[in-house]
Amino acid sequence: MDGKMLARLGAIVFVAFVITATAIEWSRKEDAPPAPSPVLVLPHDPDPLRDSQLRCQMLGQKAAEDAGCLRLWAEMRNRFLGKTSLPASSTSSEGR
């Protein structure tokens, strides 16, 4: 066998392999994506902090002077930062 004949035989085998692989890929049935599971939304209890936030939002610029809003913002900031607020009675007994 000379080089040209060997090259032609290799090309034929390669083309046959590509045609077979293509036929197998086309014959596959695609799996349908799984249907999304329904999300159950349960009614929740009203959040007093949320209600206070809405009240402060309605006050607008005056909320910066409102003691309740300032206290609420301090509590929300502590929650966000992961700080726990200690009751006033426990902090006074620690000094003794």
PDB file of N, CA and C in Angstrom:
ATOM      1  N   MET A   1       0.838  -1.165   0.000  1.00  0.00           N
ATOM      2  CA  MET A   1       0.000   0.000   0.000  1.00  0.00           C
ATOM      3  C   MET A   1       0.887   1.233   0.000  1.00  0.00           C
ATOM      4  N   ASP A   2       0.556   2.127  -0.892  1.00  0.00           N
ATOM      5  CA  ASP A   2       1.341   3.347  -0.936  1.00  0.00           C
ATOM      6  C   ASP A   2       0.695   4.409  -0.043  1.00  0.00           C
ATOM      7  N   GLY A   3       1.305   5.552   0.085  1.00  0.00           N
ATOM      8  CA  GLY A   3       0.872   6.603   1.001  1.00  0.00           C
ATOM      9  C   GLY A   3      -0.464   7.212   0.639  1.00  0.00           C
ATOM     10  N   LYS A   4      -0.726   7.361  -0.687  1.00  0.00           N
ATOM     11  CA  LYS A   4      -1.996   7.960  -1.100  1.00  0.00           C
ATOM     12  C   LYS A   4      -3.160   7.058  -0.729  1.00  0.00           C
ATOM     13  N   MET A   5      -3.005   5.779  -0.933  1.00  0.00           N
ATOM     14  CA  MET A   5      -4.072   4.825  -0.646  1.00  0.00           C
ATOM     15  C   MET A   5      -4.346   4.788   0.857  1.00  0.00           C
ATOM     16  N   LEU A   6      -3.297   4.840   1.667  1.00  0.00           N
ATOM     17  CA  LEU A   6      -3.447   4.828   3.117  1.00  0.00           C
ATOM     18  C   LEU A   6      -4.143   6.114   3.589  1.00  0.00           C
ATOM     19  N   ALA A   7      -3.834   7.246   2.993  1.00  0.00           N
ATOM     20  CA  ALA A   7      -4.473   8.508   3.342  1.00  0.00           C
ATOM     21  C   ALA A   7      -5.951   8.483   2.976  1.00  0.00           C
ATOM     22  N   ARG A   8      -6.285   7.932   1.801  1.00  0.00           N
ATOM     23  CA  ARG A   8      -7.686   7.830   1.391  1.00  0.00           C
ATOM     24  C   ARG A   8      -8.457   6.912   2.321  1.00  0.00           C
ATOM     25  N   LEU A   9      -7.870   5.803   2.715  1.00  0.00           N
ATOM     26  CA  LEU A   9      -8.526   4.866   3.628  1.00  0.00           C
ATOM     27  C   LEU A   9      -8.759   5.526   4.988  1.00  0.00           C
ATOM     28  N   GLY A  10      -7.773   6.279   5.468  1.00  0.00           N
ATOM     29  CA  GLY A  10      -7.937   7.001   6.737  1.00  0.00           C
ATOM     30  C   GLY A  10      -9.038   8.042   6.655  1.00  0.00           C
ATOM     31  N   ALA A  11      -9.135   8.744   5.527  1.00  0.00           N
ATOM     32  CA  ALA A  11     -10.172   9.751   5.350  1.00  0.00           C
ATOM     33  C   ALA A  11     -11.550   9.110   5.318  1.00  0.00           C
ATOM     34  N   ILE A  12     -11.666   7.970   4.661  1.00  0.00           N
ATOM     35  CA  ILE A  12     -12.952   7.267   4.579  1.00  0.00           C
ATOM     36  C   ILE A  12     -13.391   6.804   5.973  1.00  0.00           C
ATOM     37  N   VAL A  13     -12.441   6.258   6.733  1.00  0.00           N
ATOM     38  CA  VAL A  13     -12.764   5.802   8.092  1.00  0.00           C
ATOM     39  C   VAL A  13     -13.188   6.997   8.944  1.00  0.00           C
ATOM     40  N   PHE A  14     -12.490   8.110   8.815  1.00  0.00           N
ATOM     41  CA  PHE A  14     -12.833   9.307   9.579  1.00  0.00           C
ATOM     42  C   PHE A  14     -14.226   9.814   9.225  1.00  0.00           C
ATOM     43  N   VAL A  15     -14.530   9.900   7.926  1.00  0.00           N
ATOM     44  CA  VAL A  15     -15.850  10.372   7.485  1.00  0.00           C
ATOM     45  C   VAL A  15     -16.939   9.419   7.964  1.00  0.00           C
ATOM     46  N   ALA A  16     -16.676   8.117   7.899  1.00  0.00           N
ATOM     47  CA  ALA A  16     -17.662   7.139   8.378  1.00  0.00           C
ATOM     48  C   ALA A  16     -17.911   7.328   9.874  1.00  0.00           C
ATOM     49  N   PHE A  17     -16.845   7.575  10.623  1.00  0.00           N
ATOM     50  CA  PHE A  17     -16.983   7.791  12.061  1.00  0.00           C
ATOM     51  C   PHE A  17     -17.805   9.049  12.342  1.00  0.00           C
ATOM     52  N   VAL A  18     -17.548  10.136  11.604  1.00  0.00           N
ATOM     53  CA  VAL A  18     -18.281  11.387  11.806  1.00  0.00           C
ATOM     54  C   VAL A  18     -19.748  11.206  11.460  1.00  0.00           C
ATOM     55  N   ILE A  19     -20.051  10.512  10.383  1.00  0.00           N
ATOM     56  CA  ILE A  19     -21.441  10.281   9.977  1.00  0.00           C
ATOM     57  C   ILE A  19     -22.167   9.443  11.031  1.00  0.00           C
ATOM     58  N   THR A  20     -21.498   8.421  11.564  1.00  0.00           N
ATOM     59  CA  THR A  20     -22.104   7.574  12.591  1.00  0.00           C
ATOM     60  C   THR A  20     -22.367   8.378  13.865  1.00  0.00           C
ATOM     61  N   ALA A  21     -21.403   9.171  14.283  1.00  0.00           N
ATOM     62  CA  ALA A  21     -21.578   9.973  15.489  1.00  0.00           C
ATOM     63  C   ALA A  21     -22.717  10.980  15.318  1.00  0.00           C
ATOM     64  N   THR A  22     -22.812  11.577  14.137  1.00  0.00           N
ATOM     65  CA  THR A  22     -23.880  12.524  13.867  1.00  0.00           C
ATOM     66  C   THR A  22     -25.239  11.843  13.890  1.00  0.00           C
ATOM     67  N   ALA A  23     -25.338  10.668  13.291  1.00  0.00           N
ATOM     68  CA  ALA A  23     -26.606   9.934  13.276  1.00  0.00           C
ATOM     69  C   ALA A  23     -27.030   9.555  14.693  1.00  0.00           C
ATOM     70  N   ILE A  24     -26.076   9.159  15.520  1.00  0.00           N
ATOM     71  CA  ILE A  24     -26.410   8.796  16.904  1.00  0.00           C
ATOM     72  C   ILE A  24     -26.894  10.027  17.670  1.00  0.00           C
ATOM     73  N   GLU A  25     -26.224  11.152  17.471  1.00  0.00           N
ATOM     74  CA  GLU A  25     -26.612  12.377  18.181  1.00  0.00           C
ATOM     75  C   GLU A  25     -27.996  12.841  17.757  1.00  0.00           C
ATOM     76  N   TRP A  26     -28.315  12.769  16.488  1.00  0.00           N
ATOM     77  CA  TRP A  26     -29.632  13.183  16.010  1.00  0.00           C
ATOM     78  C   TRP A  26     -30.735  12.247  16.472  1.00  0.00           C
ATOM     79  N   SER A  27     -30.417  10.987  16.685  1.00  0.00           N
ATOM     80  CA  SER A  27     -31.451  10.040  17.080  1.00  0.00           C
ATOM     81  C   SER A  27     -31.768  10.101  18.568  1.00  0.00           C
ATOM     82  N   ARG A  28     -30.951  10.791  19.349  1.00  0.00           N
ATOM     83  CA  ARG A  28     -31.218  10.918  20.780  1.00  0.00           C
ATOM     84  C   ARG A  28     -32.447  11.771  21.009  1.00  0.00           C
ATOM     85  N   LYS A  29     -33.230  11.371  21.987  1.00  0.00           N
ATOM     86  CA  LYS A  29     -34.377  12.174  22.376  1.00  0.00           C
ATOM     87  C   LYS A  29     -33.928  13.065  23.528  1.00  0.00           C
ATOM     88  N   GLU A  30     -34.213  14.323  23.392  1.00  0.00           N
ATOM     89  CA  GLU A  30     -33.816  15.258  24.435  1.00  0.00           C
ATOM     90  C   GLU A  30     -34.746  15.111  25.625  1.00  0.00           C
ATOM     91  N   ASP A  31     -34.131  15.116  26.800  1.00  0.00           N
ATOM     92  CA  ASP A  31     -34.929  15.065  28.013  1.00  0.00           C
ATOM     93  C   ASP A  31     -35.562  16.427  28.240  1.00  0.00           C
ATOM     94  N   ALA A  32     -36.844  16.394  28.547  1.00  0.00           N
ATOM     95  CA  ALA A  32     -37.528  17.650  28.834  1.00  0.00           C
ATOM     96  C   ALA A  32     -37.013  18.195  30.156  1.00  0.00           C
ATOM     97  N   PRO A  33     -36.841  19.491  30.245  1.00  0.00           N
ATOM     98  CA  PRO A  33     -36.380  20.054  31.519  1.00  0.00           C
ATOM     99  C   PRO A  33     -37.412  19.773  32.602  1.00  0.00           C
ATOM    100  N   PRO A  34     -36.962  19.523  33.804  1.00  0.00           N
ATOM    101  CA  PRO A  34     -37.919  19.216  34.863  1.00  0.00           C
ATOM    102  C   PRO A  34     -38.846  20.400  35.115  1.00  0.00           C
ATOM    103  N   ALA A  35     -40.097  20.080  35.357  1.00  0.00           N
ATOM    104  CA  ALA A  35     -41.076  21.129  35.609  1.00  0.00           C
ATOM    105  C   ALA A  35     -40.768  21.770  36.957  1.00  0.00           C
ATOM    106  N   PRO A  36     -40.846  23.065  37.035  1.00  0.00           N
ATOM    107  CA  PRO A  36     -40.575  23.708  38.317  1.00  0.00           C
ATOM    108  C   PRO A  36     -41.620  23.312  39.346  1.00  0.00           C
ATOM    109  N   SER A  37     -41.151  23.030  40.531  1.00  0.00           N
ATOM    110  CA  SER A  37     -42.084  22.634  41.576  1.00  0.00           C
ATOM    111  C   SER A  37     -42.820  23.872  42.069  1.00  0.00           C
ATOM    112  N   PRO A  38     -44.085  23.720  42.354  1.00  0.00           N
ATOM    113  CA  PRO A  38     -44.854  24.880  42.810  1.00  0.00           C
ATOM    114  C   PRO A  38     -44.363  25.335  44.181  1.00  0.00           C
ATOM    115  N   VAL A  39     -44.339  26.627  44.366  1.00  0.00           N
ATOM    116  CA  VAL A  39     -43.893  27.201  45.628  1.00  0.00           C
ATOM    117  C   VAL A  39     -45.120  27.515  46.458  1.00  0.00           C
ATOM    118  N   LEU A  40     -45.130  27.016  47.660  1.00  0.00           N
ATOM    119  CA  LEU A  40     -46.248  27.245  48.557  1.00  0.00           C
ATOM    120  C   LEU A  40     -45.948  28.487  49.386  1.00  0.00           C
ATOM    121  N   VAL A  41     -46.788  29.489  49.240  1.00  0.00           N
ATOM    122  CA  VAL A  41     -46.609  30.724  49.981  1.00  0.00           C
ATOM    123  C   VAL A  41     -47.600  30.717  51.139  1.00  0.00           C
ATOM    124  N   LEU A  42     -47.045  30.719  52.335  1.00  0.00           N
ATOM    125  CA  LEU A  42     -47.888  30.710  53.521  1.00  0.00           C
ATOM    126  C   LEU A  42     -48.089  32.139  54.011  1.00  0.00           C
ATOM    127  N   PRO A  43     -49.287  32.441  54.475  1.00  0.00           N
ATOM    128  CA  PRO A  43     -49.480  33.779  55.029  1.00  0.00           C
ATOM    129  C   PRO A  43     -48.650  33.917  56.305  1.00  0.00           C
ATOM    130  N   HIS A  44     -48.071  35.075  56.497  1.00  0.00           N
ATOM    131  CA  HIS A  44     -47.229  35.283  57.660  1.00  0.00           C
ATOM    132  C   HIS A  44     -47.847  36.324  58.576  1.00  0.00           C
ATOM    133  N   ASP A  45     -47.425  36.270  59.807  1.00  0.00           N
ATOM    134  CA  ASP A  45     -47.915  37.229  60.781  1.00  0.00           C
ATOM    135  C   ASP A  45     -47.364  38.610  60.450  1.00  0.00           C
ATOM    136  N   PRO A  46     -48.126  39.633  60.724  1.00  0.00           N
ATOM    137  CA  PRO A  46     -47.624  40.979  60.443  1.00  0.00           C
ATOM    138  C   PRO A  46     -46.397  41.272  61.308  1.00  0.00           C
ATOM    139  N   ASP A  47     -45.432  41.913  60.723  1.00  0.00           N
ATOM    140  CA  ASP A  47     -44.190  42.228  61.411  1.00  0.00           C
ATOM    141  C   ASP A  47     -44.281  43.645  61.960  1.00  0.00           C
ATOM    142  N   PRO A  48     -44.207  43.796  63.287  1.00  0.00           N
ATOM    143  CA  PRO A  48     -44.310  45.151  63.841  1.00  0.00           C
ATOM    144  C   PRO A  48     -43.151  46.048  63.403  1.00  0.00           C
ATOM    145  N   LEU A  49     -41.970  45.463  63.187  1.00  0.00           N
ATOM    146  CA  LEU A  49     -40.849  46.276  62.709  1.00  0.00           C
ATOM    147  C   LEU A  49     -41.121  46.810  61.315  1.00  0.00           C
ATOM    148  N   ARG A  50     -41.714  45.977  60.486  1.00  0.00           N
ATOM    149  CA  ARG A  50     -42.038  46.408  59.121  1.00  0.00           C
ATOM    150  C   ARG A  50     -43.051  47.536  59.159  1.00  0.00           C
ATOM    151  N   ASP A  51     -44.046  47.409  60.043  1.00  0.00           N
ATOM    152  CA  ASP A  51     -45.039  48.473  60.168  1.00  0.00           C
ATOM    153  C   ASP A  51     -44.387  49.770  60.633  1.00  0.00           C
ATOM    154  N   SER A  52     -43.437  49.658  61.560  1.00  0.00           N
ATOM    155  CA  SER A  52     -42.735  50.855  62.039  1.00  0.00           C
ATOM    156  C   SER A  52     -41.891  51.467  60.928  1.00  0.00           C
ATOM    157  N   GLN A  53     -41.271  50.616  60.133  1.00  0.00           N
ATOM    158  CA  GLN A  53     -40.486  51.131  59.012  1.00  0.00           C
ATOM    159  C   GLN A  53     -41.370  51.896  58.037  1.00  0.00           C
ATOM    160  N   LEU A  54     -42.543  51.370  57.775  1.00  0.00           N
ATOM    161  CA  LEU A  54     -43.465  52.055  56.864  1.00  0.00           C
ATOM    162  C   LEU A  54     -43.908  53.390  57.450  1.00  0.00           C
ATOM    163  N   ARG A  55     -44.136  53.423  58.776  1.00  0.00           N
ATOM    164  CA  ARG A  55     -44.528  54.678  59.423  1.00  0.00           C
ATOM    165  C   ARG A  55     -43.413  55.707  59.272  1.00  0.00           C
ATOM    166  N   CYS A  56     -42.175  55.281  59.513  1.00  0.00           N
ATOM    167  CA  CYS A  56     -41.043  56.199  59.391  1.00  0.00           C
ATOM    168  C   CYS A  56     -40.866  56.666  57.946  1.00  0.00           C
ATOM    169  N   GLN A  57     -41.153  55.776  57.017  1.00  0.00           N
ATOM    170  CA  GLN A  57     -41.049  56.160  55.604  1.00  0.00           C
ATOM    171  C   GLN A  57     -42.083  57.231  55.270  1.00  0.00           C
ATOM    172  N   MET A  58     -43.258  57.086  55.843  1.00  0.00           N
ATOM    173  CA  MET A  58     -44.319  58.057  55.571  1.00  0.00           C
ATOM    174  C   MET A  58     -44.003  59.418  56.199  1.00  0.00           C
ATOM    175  N   LEU A  59     -43.221  59.423  57.283  1.00  0.00           N
ATOM    176  CA  LEU A  59     -42.865  60.693  57.919  1.00  0.00           C
ATOM    177  C   LEU A  59     -41.916  61.509  57.062  1.00  0.00           C
ATOM    178  N   GLY A  60     -41.147  60.843  56.230  1.00  0.00           N
ATOM    179  CA  GLY A  60     -40.218  61.541  55.351  1.00  0.00           C
ATOM    180  C   GLY A  60     -39.075  62.162  56.123  1.00  0.00           C
ATOM    181  N   GLN A  61     -38.812  63.447  55.897  1.00  0.00           N
ATOM    182  CA  GLN A  61     -37.690  64.157  56.512  1.00  0.00           C
ATOM    183  C   GLN A  61     -37.861  64.267  58.025  1.00  0.00           C
ATOM    184  N   LYS A  62     -39.102  64.317  58.511  1.00  0.00           N
ATOM    185  CA  LYS A  62     -39.356  64.442  59.942  1.00  0.00           C
ATOM    186  C   LYS A  62     -38.935  63.185  60.711  1.00  0.00           C
ATOM    187  N   ALA A  63     -38.748  62.067  60.015  1.00  0.00           N
ATOM    188  CA  ALA A  63     -38.340  60.827  60.677  1.00  0.00           C
ATOM    189  C   ALA A  63     -36.949  60.945  61.281  1.00  0.00           C
ATOM    190  N   ALA A  64     -36.122  61.835  60.764  1.00  0.00           N
ATOM    191  CA  ALA A  64     -34.771  62.019  61.297  1.00  0.00           C
ATOM    192  C   ALA A  64     -34.800  62.632  62.692  1.00  0.00           C
ATOM    193  N   GLU A  65     -35.923  63.252  63.068  1.00  0.00           N
ATOM    194  CA  GLU A  65     -36.060  63.848  64.395  1.00  0.00           C
ATOM    195  C   GLU A  65     -36.954  63.030  65.307  1.00  0.00           C
ATOM    196  N   ASP A  66     -37.583  61.994  64.772  1.00  0.00           N
ATOM    197  CA  ASP A  66     -38.510  61.178  65.548  1.00  0.00           C
ATOM    198  C   ASP A  66     -37.736  60.149  66.370  1.00  0.00           C
ATOM    199  N   ALA A  67     -37.985  60.117  67.690  1.00  0.00           N
ATOM    200  CA  ALA A  67     -37.252  59.203  68.579  1.00  0.00           C
ATOM    201  C   ALA A  67     -37.564  57.742  68.246  1.00  0.00           C
ATOM    202  N   GLY A  68     -38.804  57.449  67.895  1.00  0.00           N
ATOM    203  CA  GLY A  68     -39.175  56.073  67.562  1.00  0.00           C
ATOM    204  C   GLY A  68     -38.448  55.582  66.310  1.00  0.00           C
ATOM    205  N   CYS A  69     -38.338  56.456  65.321  1.00  0.00           N
ATOM    206  CA  CYS A  69     -37.641  56.071  64.088  1.00  0.00           C
ATOM    207  C   CYS A  69     -36.147  55.896  64.334  1.00  0.00           C
ATOM    208  N   LEU A  70     -35.573  56.775  65.142  1.00  0.00           N
ATOM    209  CA  LEU A  70     -34.149  56.644  65.459  1.00  0.00           C
ATOM    210  C   LEU A  70     -33.872  55.332  66.189  1.00  0.00           C
ATOM    211  N   ARG A  71     -34.760  54.970  67.118  1.00  0.00           N
ATOM    212  CA  ARG A  71     -34.624  53.711  67.854  1.00  0.00           C
ATOM    213  C   ARG A  71     -34.778  52.517  66.901  1.00  0.00           C
ATOM    214  N   LEU A  72     -35.744  52.617  65.991  1.00  0.00           N
ATOM    215  CA  LEU A  72     -35.974  51.552  65.013  1.00  0.00           C
ATOM    216  C   LEU A  72     -34.754  51.375  64.119  1.00  0.00           C
ATOM    217  N   TRP A  73     -34.206  52.472  63.634  1.00  0.00           N
ATOM    218  CA  TRP A  73     -33.040  52.384  62.751  1.00  0.00           C
ATOM    219  C   TRP A  73     -31.840  51.797  63.484  1.00  0.00           C
ATOM    220  N   ALA A  74     -31.691  52.138  64.748  1.00  0.00           N
ATOM    221  CA  ALA A  74     -30.582  51.575  65.531  1.00  0.00           C
ATOM    222  C   ALA A  74     -30.764  50.066  65.688  1.00  0.00           C
ATOM    223  N   GLU A  75     -31.996  49.636  65.941  1.00  0.00           N
ATOM    224  CA  GLU A  75     -32.257  48.193  66.081  1.00  0.00           C
ATOM    225  C   GLU A  75     -32.029  47.466  64.751  1.00  0.00           C
ATOM    226  N   MET A  76     -32.481  48.055  63.659  1.00  0.00           N
ATOM    227  CA  MET A  76     -32.293  47.422  62.349  1.00  0.00           C
ATOM    228  C   MET A  76     -30.814  47.354  61.986  1.00  0.00           C
ATOM    229  N   ARG A  77     -30.060  48.405  62.324  1.00  0.00           N
ATOM    230  CA  ARG A  77     -28.617  48.417  62.058  1.00  0.00           C
ATOM    231  C   ARG A  77     -27.924  47.319  62.867  1.00  0.00           C
ATOM    232  N   ASN A  78     -28.320  47.168  64.127  1.00  0.00           N
ATOM    233  CA  ASN A  78     -27.736  46.115  64.964  1.00  0.00           C
ATOM    234  C   ASN A  78     -28.076  44.731  64.428  1.00  0.00           C
ATOM    235  N   ARG A  79     -29.292  44.565  63.967  1.00  0.00           N
ATOM    236  CA  ARG A  79     -29.670  43.266  63.369  1.00  0.00           C
ATOM    237  C   ARG A  79     -28.818  42.969  62.139  1.00  0.00           C
ATOM    238  N   PHE A  80     -28.656  43.979  61.301  1.00  0.00           N
ATOM    239  CA  PHE A  80     -27.891  43.801  60.072  1.00  0.00           C
ATOM    240  C   PHE A  80     -26.448  43.454  60.374  1.00  0.00           C
ATOM    241  N   LEU A  81     -25.875  44.121  61.364  1.00  0.00           N
ATOM    242  CA  LEU A  81     -24.478  43.894  61.715  1.00  0.00           C
ATOM    243  C   LEU A  81     -24.286  42.666  62.595  1.00  0.00           C
ATOM    244  N   GLY A  82     -25.381  42.043  63.026  1.00  0.00           N
ATOM    245  CA  GLY A  82     -25.281  40.826  63.828  1.00  0.00           C
ATOM    246  C   GLY A  82     -25.019  41.097  65.293  1.00  0.00           C
ATOM    247  N   LYS A  83     -25.256  42.306  65.730  1.00  0.00           N
ATOM    248  CA  LYS A  83     -25.074  42.634  67.141  1.00  0.00           C
ATOM    249  C   LYS A  83     -26.362  42.341  67.883  1.00  0.00           C
ATOM    250  N   THR A  84     -26.229  41.784  69.072  1.00  0.00           N
ATOM    251  CA  THR A  84     -27.416  41.532  69.883  1.00  0.00           C
ATOM    252  C   THR A  84     -27.504  42.613  70.943  1.00  0.00           C
ATOM    253  N   SER A  85     -28.681  43.142  71.105  1.00  0.00           N
ATOM    254  CA  SER A  85     -28.862  44.192  72.107  1.00  0.00           C
ATOM    255  C   SER A  85     -29.204  43.533  73.435  1.00  0.00           C
ATOM    256  N   LEU A  86     -28.506  43.927  74.493  1.00  0.00           N
ATOM    257  CA  LEU A  86     -28.733  43.385  75.819  1.00  0.00           C
ATOM    258  C   LEU A  86     -29.780  44.238  76.524  1.00  0.00           C
ATOM    259  N   PRO A  87     -30.620  43.623  77.335  1.00  0.00           N
ATOM    260  CA  PRO A  87     -31.589  44.402  78.106  1.00  0.00           C
ATOM    261  C   PRO A  87     -30.859  45.331  79.079  1.00  0.00           C
ATOM    262  N   ALA A  88     -31.482  46.437  79.440  1.00  0.00           N
ATOM    263  CA  ALA A  88     -30.844  47.434  80.301  1.00  0.00           C
ATOM    264  C   ALA A  88     -30.532  46.872  81.679  1.00  0.00           C
ATOM    265  N   SER A  89     -31.362  45.978  82.211  1.00  0.00           N
ATOM    266  CA  SER A  89     -31.136  45.433  83.546  1.00  0.00           C
ATOM    267  C   SER A  89     -29.904  44.552  83.603  1.00  0.00           C
ATOM    268  N   SER A  90     -29.599  43.828  82.539  1.00  0.00           N
ATOM    269  CA  SER A  90     -28.439  42.934  82.560  1.00  0.00           C
ATOM    270  C   SER A  90     -27.125  43.697  82.426  1.00  0.00           C
ATOM    271  N   THR A  91     -27.155  44.871  81.773  1.00  0.00           N
ATOM    272  CA  THR A  91     -25.920  45.637  81.642  1.00  0.00           C
ATOM    273  C   THR A  91     -25.565  46.319  82.942  1.00  0.00           C
ATOM    274  N   SER A  92     -26.555  46.719  83.752  1.00  0.00           N
ATOM    275  CA  SER A  92     -26.254  47.393  85.009  1.00  0.00           C
ATOM    276  C   SER A  92     -25.735  46.414  86.054  1.00  0.00           C
ATOM    277  N   SER A  93     -26.119  45.137  85.986  1.00  0.00           N
ATOM    278  CA  SER A  93     -25.667  44.158  86.972  1.00  0.00           C
ATOM    279  C   SER A  93     -24.270  43.648  86.647  1.00  0.00           C
ATOM    280  N   GLU A  94     -23.779  43.878  85.456  1.00  0.00           N
ATOM    281  CA  GLU A  94     -22.447  43.399  85.085  1.00  0.00           C
ATOM    282  C   GLU A  94     -21.353  44.231  85.737  1.00  0.00           C
ATOM    283  N   GLY A  95     -21.634  45.493  86.028  1.00  0.00           N
ATOM    284  CA  GLY A  95     -20.634  46.374  86.591  1.00  0.00           C
ATOM    285  C   GLY A  95     -20.329  46.072  88.041  1.00  0.00           C
ATOM    286  N   ARG A  96     -21.134  45.329  88.724  1.00  0.00           N
ATOM    287  CA  ARG A  96     -20.951  45.037  90.157  1.00  0.00           C
ATOM    288  C   ARG A  96     -20.089  43.880  90.406  1.00  0.00           C
TER     289      ARG A  96
END
